[in-house]
Amino acid sequence: MDLTVKMGLKNGVERVLHVPGNYTGGILEMTLVIDCYLPKDYVKNMAAEIAATLRAHSEIFRNVRLNLLYWKSDREFENRVIPISFLQMSNCFEEYRAVEEEKGLDMLSAKLKLLHARSKLILVLAGETLVIYDREEVNRNMRPFLGKKSLFLCKKEGEMKWMRGAEL
């Protein structure tokens, strides 16, 4: 991850955590979504860098309840609760398998709204493009608060930047 992507992550996280009524202190609960389309080495490296960047950035990330959500298909998700330090050590990716299946952001946003709405920060590592079958469904799921507390990073050659969920 280059310096501009790290700075984008830090700035995006600061914006998310300072949304009125979002994070008021205590143990932070966050979700990291991994698109299983991505290769294992890329996922391991990016997750380690994200964890290192967040832990170096703020004391808040020393003790985090981290939900690691594998996004395998529109119908198959796997959730694990792990310490954030496991991302840096890559221990949580031993059983990771890449799944090349087209997925829609519609189902992911519905899953996040249903099961991960408590998370104060949602980071999504996605493939090259985010496929949206029904834009209105995504907008309904992102409102009123998921769009404000989610950040998406698409794996693209050349330009990589974090996008807020409200920008989708």
C-alpha atoms as a PDB file:
ATOM      1  CA  MET A   1       0.000   0.000   0.000  1.00  0.00           C
ATOM      2  CA  ASP A   2       1.556   3.296  -0.993  1.00  0.00           C
ATOM      3  CA  LEU A   3       1.574   6.465   1.081  1.00  0.00           C
ATOM      4  CA  THR A   4      -1.435   8.111  -0.582  1.00  0.00           C
ATOM      5  CA  VAL A   5      -3.610   5.048   0.047  1.00  0.00           C
ATOM      6  CA  LYS A   6      -2.482   4.971   3.693  1.00  0.00           C
ATOM      7  CA  MET A   7      -3.267   8.667   4.094  1.00  0.00           C
ATOM      8  CA  GLY A   8      -6.651   8.118   2.445  1.00  0.00           C
ATOM      9  CA  LEU A   9      -7.336   5.319   4.926  1.00  0.00           C
ATOM     10  CA  LYS A  10      -6.372   7.460   7.917  1.00  0.00           C
ATOM     11  CA  ASN A  11      -8.438  10.425   6.726  1.00  0.00           C
ATOM     12  CA  GLY A  12     -11.416   8.242   5.848  1.00  0.00           C
ATOM     13  CA  VAL A  13     -11.321   6.517   9.236  1.00  0.00           C
ATOM     14  CA  GLU A  14     -11.160   9.876  11.017  1.00  0.00           C
ATOM     15  CA  ARG A  15     -14.203  11.106   9.059  1.00  0.00           C
ATOM     16  CA  VAL A  16     -16.123   7.920   9.852  1.00  0.00           C
ATOM     17  CA  LEU A  17     -15.322   7.895  13.559  1.00  0.00           C
ATOM     18  CA  HIS A  18     -16.215  11.570  13.956  1.00  0.00           C
ATOM     19  CA  VAL A  19     -19.673  11.323  12.407  1.00  0.00           C
ATOM     20  CA  PRO A  20     -21.992  12.613  15.153  1.00  0.00           C
ATOM     21  CA  GLY A  21     -23.254   9.722  17.266  1.00  0.00           C
ATOM     22  CA  ASN A  22     -20.994   7.076  15.706  1.00  0.00           C
ATOM     23  CA  TYR A  23     -18.134   6.345  18.138  1.00  0.00           C
ATOM     24  CA  THR A  24     -18.297   7.603  21.699  1.00  0.00           C
ATOM     25  CA  GLY A  25     -15.450   5.656  23.293  1.00  0.00           C
ATOM     26  CA  GLY A  26     -14.811   2.241  24.730  1.00  0.00           C
ATOM     27  CA  ILE A  27     -14.000  -0.841  22.686  1.00  0.00           C
ATOM     28  CA  LEU A  28     -14.411  -0.201  18.976  1.00  0.00           C
ATOM     29  CA  GLU A  29     -16.348  -2.742  16.937  1.00  0.00           C
ATOM     30  CA  MET A  30     -15.404  -2.831  13.268  1.00  0.00           C
ATOM     31  CA  THR A  31     -15.863  -5.070  10.239  1.00  0.00           C
ATOM     32  CA  LEU A  32     -13.349  -5.907   7.518  1.00  0.00           C
ATOM     33  CA  VAL A  33     -14.992  -7.395   4.425  1.00  0.00           C
ATOM     34  CA  ILE A  34     -12.761  -9.431   2.113  1.00  0.00           C
ATOM     35  CA  ASP A  35     -13.977 -10.090  -1.421  1.00  0.00           C
ATOM     36  CA  CYS A  36     -12.932 -13.712  -1.966  1.00  0.00           C
ATOM     37  CA  TYR A  37     -12.298 -12.930  -5.629  1.00  0.00           C
ATOM     38  CA  LEU A  38      -8.958 -11.418  -4.540  1.00  0.00           C
ATOM     39  CA  PRO A  39      -5.754 -13.522  -4.504  1.00  0.00           C
ATOM     40  CA  LYS A  40      -4.558 -14.783  -1.123  1.00  0.00           C
ATOM     41  CA  ASP A  41      -1.193 -12.971  -1.169  1.00  0.00           C
ATOM     42  CA  TYR A  42      -2.843  -9.625  -1.943  1.00  0.00           C
ATOM     43  CA  VAL A  43      -5.384 -10.111   0.867  1.00  0.00           C
ATOM     44  CA  LYS A  44      -2.712 -11.084   3.406  1.00  0.00           C
ATOM     45  CA  ASN A  45      -0.506  -8.095   2.545  1.00  0.00           C
ATOM     46  CA  MET A  46      -3.325  -5.545   2.423  1.00  0.00           C
ATOM     47  CA  ALA A  47      -4.928  -6.753   5.656  1.00  0.00           C
ATOM     48  CA  ALA A  48      -1.565  -6.613   7.444  1.00  0.00           C
ATOM     49  CA  GLU A  49      -0.913  -3.100   6.168  1.00  0.00           C
ATOM     50  CA  ILE A  50      -4.402  -1.923   7.093  1.00  0.00           C
ATOM     51  CA  ALA A  51      -4.005  -3.275  10.626  1.00  0.00           C
ATOM     52  CA  ALA A  52      -0.527  -1.758  11.007  1.00  0.00           C
ATOM     53  CA  THR A  53      -1.696   1.618   9.687  1.00  0.00           C
ATOM     54  CA  LEU A  54      -4.724   1.736  11.980  1.00  0.00           C
ATOM     55  CA  ARG A  55      -2.825   0.589  15.071  1.00  0.00           C
ATOM     56  CA  ALA A  56      -0.064   3.137  14.483  1.00  0.00           C
ATOM     57  CA  HIS A  57      -2.602   5.882  13.808  1.00  0.00           C
ATOM     58  CA  SER A  58      -4.647   5.777  16.983  1.00  0.00           C
ATOM     59  CA  GLU A  59      -4.811   4.217  20.419  1.00  0.00           C
ATOM     60  CA  ILE A  60      -8.453   3.297  19.672  1.00  0.00           C
ATOM     61  CA  PHE A  61      -7.234   0.415  17.465  1.00  0.00           C
ATOM     62  CA  ARG A  62      -5.166  -1.294  20.169  1.00  0.00           C
ATOM     63  CA  ASN A  63      -8.218  -3.172  21.462  1.00  0.00           C
ATOM     64  CA  VAL A  64     -10.795  -3.787  18.736  1.00  0.00           C
ATOM     65  CA  ARG A  65     -13.605  -6.284  18.245  1.00  0.00           C
ATOM     66  CA  LEU A  66     -12.935  -7.148  14.598  1.00  0.00           C
ATOM     67  CA  ASN A  67     -15.458  -9.000  12.461  1.00  0.00           C
ATOM     68  CA  LEU A  68     -13.688 -10.524   9.463  1.00  0.00           C
ATOM     69  CA  LEU A  69     -16.329 -11.183   6.815  1.00  0.00           C
ATOM     70  CA  TYR A  70     -15.420 -13.334   3.818  1.00  0.00           C
ATOM     71  CA  TRP A  71     -17.656 -12.381   0.880  1.00  0.00           C
ATOM     72  CA  LYS A  72     -17.651 -15.603  -1.157  1.00  0.00           C
ATOM     73  CA  SER A  73     -20.805 -15.178  -3.244  1.00  0.00           C
ATOM     74  CA  ASP A  74     -24.151 -13.430  -3.167  1.00  0.00           C
ATOM     75  CA  ARG A  75     -25.488 -16.163  -0.888  1.00  0.00           C
ATOM     76  CA  GLU A  76     -22.364 -17.299   0.955  1.00  0.00           C
ATOM     77  CA  PHE A  77     -20.684 -15.214   3.645  1.00  0.00           C
ATOM     78  CA  GLU A  78     -18.402 -16.389   6.438  1.00  0.00           C
ATOM     79  CA  ASN A  79     -17.927 -14.290   9.556  1.00  0.00           C
ATOM     80  CA  ARG A  80     -15.127 -14.641  12.102  1.00  0.00           C
ATOM     81  CA  VAL A  81     -14.409 -12.561  15.173  1.00  0.00           C
ATOM     82  CA  ILE A  82     -10.658 -12.108  15.621  1.00  0.00           C
ATOM     83  CA  PRO A  83      -8.182  -9.752  17.319  1.00  0.00           C
ATOM     84  CA  ILE A  84      -6.803  -7.082  14.985  1.00  0.00           C
ATOM     85  CA  SER A  85      -3.267  -8.335  15.663  1.00  0.00           C
ATOM     86  CA  PHE A  86      -4.132 -11.555  13.783  1.00  0.00           C
ATOM     87  CA  LEU A  87      -4.393  -9.485  10.587  1.00  0.00           C
ATOM     88  CA  GLN A  88      -0.791  -8.364  10.988  1.00  0.00           C
ATOM     89  CA  MET A  89       0.420 -11.906  11.586  1.00  0.00           C
ATOM     90  CA  SER A  90      -1.762 -13.302   8.740  1.00  0.00           C
ATOM     91  CA  ASN A  91      -2.856 -16.191  10.973  1.00  0.00           C
ATOM     92  CA  CYS A  92      -6.482 -15.749   9.980  1.00  0.00           C
ATOM     93  CA  PHE A  93      -5.892 -16.441   6.272  1.00  0.00           C
ATOM     94  CA  GLU A  94      -4.657 -20.040   6.498  1.00  0.00           C
ATOM     95  CA  GLU A  95      -7.963 -21.435   5.196  1.00  0.00           C
ATOM     96  CA  TYR A  96      -8.593 -18.624   2.690  1.00  0.00           C
ATOM     97  CA  ARG A  97      -9.499 -19.768  -0.828  1.00  0.00           C
ATOM     98  CA  ALA A  98     -10.094 -17.446  -3.763  1.00  0.00           C
ATOM     99  CA  VAL A  99     -13.553 -17.866  -5.319  1.00  0.00           C
ATOM    100  CA  GLU A 100     -14.003 -16.468  -8.814  1.00  0.00           C
ATOM    101  CA  GLU A 101     -17.697 -15.696  -8.846  1.00  0.00           C
ATOM    102  CA  GLU A 102     -19.416 -12.456  -9.789  1.00  0.00           C
ATOM    103  CA  LYS A 103     -21.066 -10.850  -6.801  1.00  0.00           C
ATOM    104  CA  GLY A 104     -23.348  -7.876  -6.411  1.00  0.00           C
ATOM    105  CA  LEU A 105     -22.969  -5.096  -3.891  1.00  0.00           C
ATOM    106  CA  ASP A 106     -26.737  -5.379  -3.347  1.00  0.00           C
ATOM    107  CA  MET A 107     -26.432  -8.567  -1.294  1.00  0.00           C
ATOM    108  CA  LEU A 108     -23.356  -7.364   0.583  1.00  0.00           C
ATOM    109  CA  SER A 109     -25.044  -4.139   1.629  1.00  0.00           C
ATOM    110  CA  ALA A 110     -28.121  -6.087   2.770  1.00  0.00           C
ATOM    111  CA  LYS A 111     -25.925  -8.457   4.809  1.00  0.00           C
ATOM    112  CA  LEU A 112     -24.031  -5.565   6.384  1.00  0.00           C
ATOM    113  CA  LYS A 113     -27.253  -3.771   7.279  1.00  0.00           C
ATOM    114  CA  LEU A 114     -28.732  -6.933   8.789  1.00  0.00           C
ATOM    115  CA  LEU A 115     -25.759  -8.303  10.754  1.00  0.00           C
ATOM    116  CA  HIS A 116     -23.027  -5.657  10.993  1.00  0.00           C
ATOM    117  CA  ALA A 117     -24.923  -2.436  11.625  1.00  0.00           C
ATOM    118  CA  ARG A 118     -23.402  -2.293  15.133  1.00  0.00           C
ATOM    119  CA  SER A 119     -19.920  -1.857  13.678  1.00  0.00           C
ATOM    120  CA  LYS A 120     -18.684   1.709  13.922  1.00  0.00           C
ATOM    121  CA  LEU A 121     -16.278   1.238  10.992  1.00  0.00           C
ATOM    122  CA  ILE A 122     -16.689  -1.018   7.951  1.00  0.00           C
ATOM    123  CA  LEU A 123     -13.749  -1.514   5.566  1.00  0.00           C
ATOM    124  CA  VAL A 124     -14.271  -3.416   2.316  1.00  0.00           C
ATOM    125  CA  LEU A 125     -11.440  -4.851   0.199  1.00  0.00           C
ATOM    126  CA  ALA A 126     -13.102  -5.452  -3.149  1.00  0.00           C
ATOM    127  CA  GLY A 127     -12.185  -6.660  -6.620  1.00  0.00           C
ATOM    128  CA  GLU A 128     -11.573  -4.377  -9.576  1.00  0.00           C
ATOM    129  CA  THR A 129     -15.183  -3.280  -9.943  1.00  0.00           C
ATOM    130  CA  LEU A 130     -18.164  -3.238  -7.661  1.00  0.00           C
ATOM    131  CA  VAL A 131     -21.097  -4.822  -9.496  1.00  0.00           C
ATOM    132  CA  ILE A 132     -24.413  -3.214  -8.616  1.00  0.00           C
ATOM    133  CA  TYR A 133     -27.556  -4.921  -9.910  1.00  0.00           C
ATOM    134  CA  ASP A 134     -30.068  -2.632  -8.208  1.00  0.00           C
ATOM    135  CA  ARG A 135     -28.741   0.817  -7.314  1.00  0.00           C
ATOM    136  CA  GLU A 136     -31.888   1.743  -5.389  1.00  0.00           C
ATOM    137  CA  GLU A 137     -31.524  -1.342  -3.179  1.00  0.00           C
ATOM    138  CA  VAL A 138     -27.918  -0.390  -2.410  1.00  0.00           C
ATOM    139  CA  ASN A 139     -28.978   3.185  -1.607  1.00  0.00           C
ATOM    140  CA  ARG A 140     -31.740   1.928   0.713  1.00  0.00           C
ATOM    141  CA  ASN A 141     -29.296  -0.335   2.534  1.00  0.00           C
ATOM    142  CA  MET A 142     -26.633   2.354   2.845  1.00  0.00           C
ATOM    143  CA  ARG A 143     -29.058   4.835   4.390  1.00  0.00           C
ATOM    144  CA  PRO A 144     -29.191   6.216   6.981  1.00  0.00           C
ATOM    145  CA  PHE A 145     -25.859   5.200   8.504  1.00  0.00           C
ATOM    146  CA  LEU A 146     -23.992   2.414   6.618  1.00  0.00           C
ATOM    147  CA  GLY A 147     -22.904   4.809   3.895  1.00  0.00           C
ATOM    148  CA  LYS A 148     -21.380   7.131   6.484  1.00  0.00           C
ATOM    149  CA  LYS A 149     -19.323   4.469   8.237  1.00  0.00           C
ATOM    150  CA  SER A 150     -18.095   2.315   5.367  1.00  0.00           C
ATOM    151  CA  LEU A 151     -14.957   2.649   3.240  1.00  0.00           C
ATOM    152  CA  PHE A 152     -14.324   0.686   0.035  1.00  0.00           C
ATOM    153  CA  LEU A 153     -10.974  -0.042  -1.624  1.00  0.00           C
ATOM    154  CA  CYS A 154     -11.122  -1.572  -5.096  1.00  0.00           C
ATOM    155  CA  LYS A 155      -8.058  -3.405  -6.400  1.00  0.00           C
ATOM    156  CA  LYS A 156      -7.142  -1.572  -9.582  1.00  0.00           C
ATOM    157  CA  GLU A 157      -3.894  -1.345 -11.450  1.00  0.00           C
ATOM    158  CA  GLY A 158      -2.571   2.175 -11.139  1.00  0.00           C
ATOM    159  CA  GLU A 159      -4.996   4.238  -9.072  1.00  0.00           C
ATOM    160  CA  MET A 160      -6.211   2.954  -5.712  1.00  0.00           C
ATOM    161  CA  LYS A 161      -8.215   5.128  -3.358  1.00  0.00           C
ATOM    162  CA  TRP A 162     -10.687   4.676  -0.546  1.00  0.00           C
ATOM    163  CA  MET A 163     -14.302   5.580  -1.324  1.00  0.00           C
ATOM    164  CA  ARG A 164     -16.967   6.229   1.257  1.00  0.00           C
ATOM    165  CA  GLY A 165     -20.084   4.098   1.027  1.00  0.00           C
ATOM    166  CA  ALA A 166     -22.176   7.229   0.480  1.00  0.00           C
ATOM    167  CA  GLU A 167     -20.194   7.885  -2.749  1.00  0.00           C
ATOM    168  CA  LEU A 168     -21.391   4.666  -4.354  1.00  0.00           C
END
